[in-house]
Each structure stands twice: as structure tokens, then as C-alpha cells.
């Protein structure tokens, strides 16, 4: 896996409630900045998505791509790129850790590679913006439900 960018946030909700929002892909366009479409392509036997098609427009990345998901209960979900136009690779994870008092630490790990050349520092800045935006959006969405 390429070099990863990681960030964490604490959400005032139980891990199951956080993971329920993460797993609710059709709702992403209403709260995940830049996500225009999130369509479940293939559902797993556990009711959670195995593959999801996304249309994303978050500068500097505008792409349509499909991700494959692996779920570990309400503790972790990881994903890898199946196919994309601009993205060459995209590996990520949400790792949830129960803190007690109905709060959860959510760590987001992301490593991406694009088909156009980007200076490492610019790529990491893009990853950081994506992660921070996703974590803040996730926190706002979970805590509003």
C-alpha cells in the first residue's frame, strides 16, 4: 500500500450508530462533501455493501470509481479501488474504537494514487482535505440523527 494519511475524530455516539451511517451509502450525497453519487453495485449477505459506485467532485479530484468493501462488524471497514478513471489506486479504512460514555473514536486512513503526476506533498494535502472533510461530515451526520 502507498504512503497513508491518517486522522481521527471523536463522535458522540456508539460504534454501531457510527457504522450504520458509514454503511448507508445512498445517503452520502446529503452529507459527504463532494459525493455526487453513491450507488450500491453489489450487496453482501450481511446486508452491507460489497461494492459501491461513486461520482466524486472534490478539488483536486473529480472522478467516477467503484470501491470494494470488507466489513469487520462495527469495528472496522476497509476498501480498495476496483476501477476508476482518474484514480489509479485508493485504499482506505474507518477504524472505530469505543471510548465509553456513548462516544467513539473514528480513525480514517487513506492512501490514493492518481493517473496524473502529483507532487507527494500536494497528494498528501489532497488526502488530508478528503479525510478531514469526511470525518467532520460523518460526525455532523451521526450526531444529528
Protein backbone atom coordinates (compact mmCIF):
# COMPACT_ATOMS: atom_id res chain seq x y z
CA UNK A 1 0.00 0.00 0.00
CA UNK A 2 1.18 3.53 -0.74
CA UNK A 3 2.00 6.03 1.99
CA UNK A 4 -1.07 6.63 4.14
CA UNK A 5 -2.62 9.78 5.56
CA UNK A 6 -4.47 9.29 8.85
CA UNK A 7 -6.72 11.44 11.03
CA UNK A 8 -9.13 10.80 13.91
CA UNK A 9 -12.19 12.42 15.44
CA UNK A 10 -14.42 11.65 18.45
CA UNK A 11 -18.14 11.27 17.74
CA UNK A 12 -20.78 11.36 20.46
CA UNK A 13 -22.43 8.06 19.51
CA UNK A 14 -21.93 4.32 19.93
CA UNK A 15 -19.82 2.48 17.31
CA UNK A 16 -22.90 0.70 15.89
CA UNK A 17 -24.59 4.07 15.25
CA UNK A 18 -21.46 5.44 13.56
CA UNK A 19 -21.05 2.34 11.41
CA UNK A 20 -24.73 2.48 10.41
CA UNK A 21 -24.13 5.94 8.91
CA UNK A 22 -20.90 4.78 7.22
CA UNK A 23 -22.77 1.82 5.69
CA UNK A 24 -25.69 3.98 4.45
CA UNK A 25 -24.14 4.80 1.06
CA UNK A 26 -27.32 6.14 -0.63
CA UNK A 27 -27.32 8.98 1.95
CA UNK A 28 -23.72 10.07 1.25
CA UNK A 29 -24.65 12.82 -1.23
CA UNK A 30 -26.69 14.56 1.51
CA UNK A 31 -23.78 14.82 3.96
CA UNK A 32 -20.44 13.81 2.37
CA UNK A 33 -18.99 16.89 0.67
CA UNK A 34 -18.21 16.30 -2.99
CA UNK A 35 -20.00 12.94 -3.25
CA UNK A 36 -22.49 13.35 -6.09
CA UNK A 37 -23.49 9.67 -6.35
CA UNK A 38 -23.01 6.60 -4.12
CA UNK A 39 -24.81 3.61 -5.61
CA UNK A 40 -24.53 0.12 -4.15
CA UNK A 41 -23.48 -2.16 -7.02
CA UNK A 42 -23.34 -5.42 -5.06
CA UNK A 43 -24.85 -6.19 -1.66
CA UNK A 44 -23.22 -8.67 0.71
CA UNK A 45 -25.00 -11.47 2.55
CA UNK A 46 -24.75 -9.40 5.75
CA UNK A 47 -26.85 -6.63 4.18
CA UNK A 48 -23.89 -4.26 3.83
CA UNK A 49 -22.44 -3.18 0.51
CA UNK A 50 -19.65 -5.23 -1.08
CA UNK A 51 -19.17 -2.80 -3.99
CA UNK A 52 -20.20 0.84 -4.38
CA UNK A 53 -20.01 3.17 -7.40
CA UNK A 54 -19.14 6.80 -6.59
CA UNK A 55 -19.15 10.04 -8.50
CA UNK A 56 -16.87 12.48 -6.65
CA UNK A 57 -16.04 16.13 -7.24
CA UNK A 58 -13.67 17.42 -4.54
CA UNK A 59 -10.82 19.54 -5.85
CA UNK A 60 -8.26 18.39 -6.90
CA UNK A 61 -10.06 15.07 -7.52
CA UNK A 62 -13.01 14.64 -9.88
CA UNK A 63 -13.67 11.03 -10.74
CA UNK A 64 -16.12 8.17 -11.07
CA UNK A 65 -14.95 4.97 -9.41
CA UNK A 66 -16.04 1.72 -7.78
CA UNK A 67 -14.79 0.54 -4.38
CA UNK A 68 -14.83 -2.93 -2.85
CA UNK A 69 -15.59 -3.10 0.90
CA UNK A 70 -14.63 -5.51 3.69
CA UNK A 71 -16.59 -5.18 6.94
CA UNK A 72 -15.44 -6.27 10.42
CA UNK A 73 -18.64 -5.86 12.42
CA UNK A 74 -18.92 -2.36 13.86
CA UNK A 75 -15.15 -2.12 14.48
CA UNK A 76 -13.69 -1.53 11.02
CA UNK A 77 -14.42 -1.22 7.33
CA UNK A 78 -11.72 -1.22 4.66
CA UNK A 79 -11.94 -0.52 0.96
CA UNK A 80 -9.92 -0.82 -2.21
CA UNK A 81 -10.36 0.53 -5.71
CA UNK A 82 -11.99 -1.81 -8.23
CA UNK A 83 -11.89 0.69 -11.09
CA UNK A 84 -11.65 4.42 -11.63
CA UNK A 85 -10.96 6.95 -14.34
CA UNK A 86 -8.52 9.35 -12.66
CA UNK A 87 -7.72 7.24 -9.61
CA UNK A 88 -5.10 4.53 -10.07
CA UNK A 89 -5.41 3.22 -6.50
CA UNK A 90 -7.47 4.07 -3.43
CA UNK A 91 -7.10 2.14 -0.19
CA UNK A 92 -8.79 3.28 2.97
CA UNK A 93 -10.35 2.35 6.27
CA UNK A 94 -12.59 3.61 9.03
CA UNK A 95 -11.46 2.15 12.36
CA UNK A 96 -13.86 2.63 15.28
CA UNK A 97 -12.87 2.44 18.95
CA UNK A 98 -15.47 2.65 21.69
CA UNK A 99 -14.48 5.19 24.34
CA UNK A 100 -17.39 4.65 26.73
CA UNK A 101 -19.98 7.27 27.65
CA UNK A 102 -21.60 6.66 24.23
CA UNK A 103 -18.66 8.08 22.30
CA UNK A 104 -16.47 6.59 19.59
CA UNK A 105 -13.06 7.48 18.24
CA UNK A 106 -13.11 7.19 14.44
CA UNK A 107 -9.80 6.93 12.61
CA UNK A 108 -9.79 7.37 8.84
CA UNK A 109 -6.81 6.01 6.88
CA UNK A 110 -6.38 6.83 3.21
CA UNK A 111 -3.80 6.18 0.52
CA UNK A 112 -4.52 7.18 -3.04
CA UNK A 113 -2.69 7.41 -6.32
CA UNK A 114 -3.91 9.31 -9.35
CA UNK A 115 -3.12 8.79 -13.01
CA UNK A 116 -1.79 12.34 -13.38
CA UNK A 117 1.55 13.21 -11.78
CA UNK A 118 1.20 14.97 -8.44
CA UNK A 119 3.98 16.08 -6.14
CA UNK A 120 3.90 13.95 -2.97
CA UNK A 121 3.18 16.96 -0.76
CA UNK A 122 0.22 18.01 -2.93
CA UNK A 123 -1.16 14.45 -2.96
CA UNK A 124 -0.94 14.20 0.85
CA UNK A 125 -2.62 17.61 1.17
CA UNK A 126 -5.46 16.33 -1.04
CA UNK A 127 -5.74 13.19 1.11
CA UNK A 128 -5.79 15.31 4.28
CA UNK A 129 -8.56 17.55 2.90
CA UNK A 130 -10.61 14.48 1.89
CA UNK A 131 -10.14 12.84 5.30
CA UNK A 132 -10.88 15.95 7.37
CA UNK A 133 -13.95 16.76 5.28
CA UNK A 134 -15.21 13.17 5.55
CA UNK A 135 -14.66 12.97 9.33
CA UNK A 136 -16.36 16.31 10.02
CA UNK A 137 -19.28 15.38 7.76
CA UNK A 138 -19.58 11.95 9.42
CA UNK A 139 -19.56 13.49 12.92
CA UNK A 140 -22.20 16.06 11.98
CA UNK A 141 -24.41 13.43 10.32
CA UNK A 142 -24.19 10.85 13.17
CA UNK A 143 -24.72 13.40 15.93
CA UNK A 144 -27.74 14.91 14.12
CA UNK A 145 -29.59 11.56 13.94
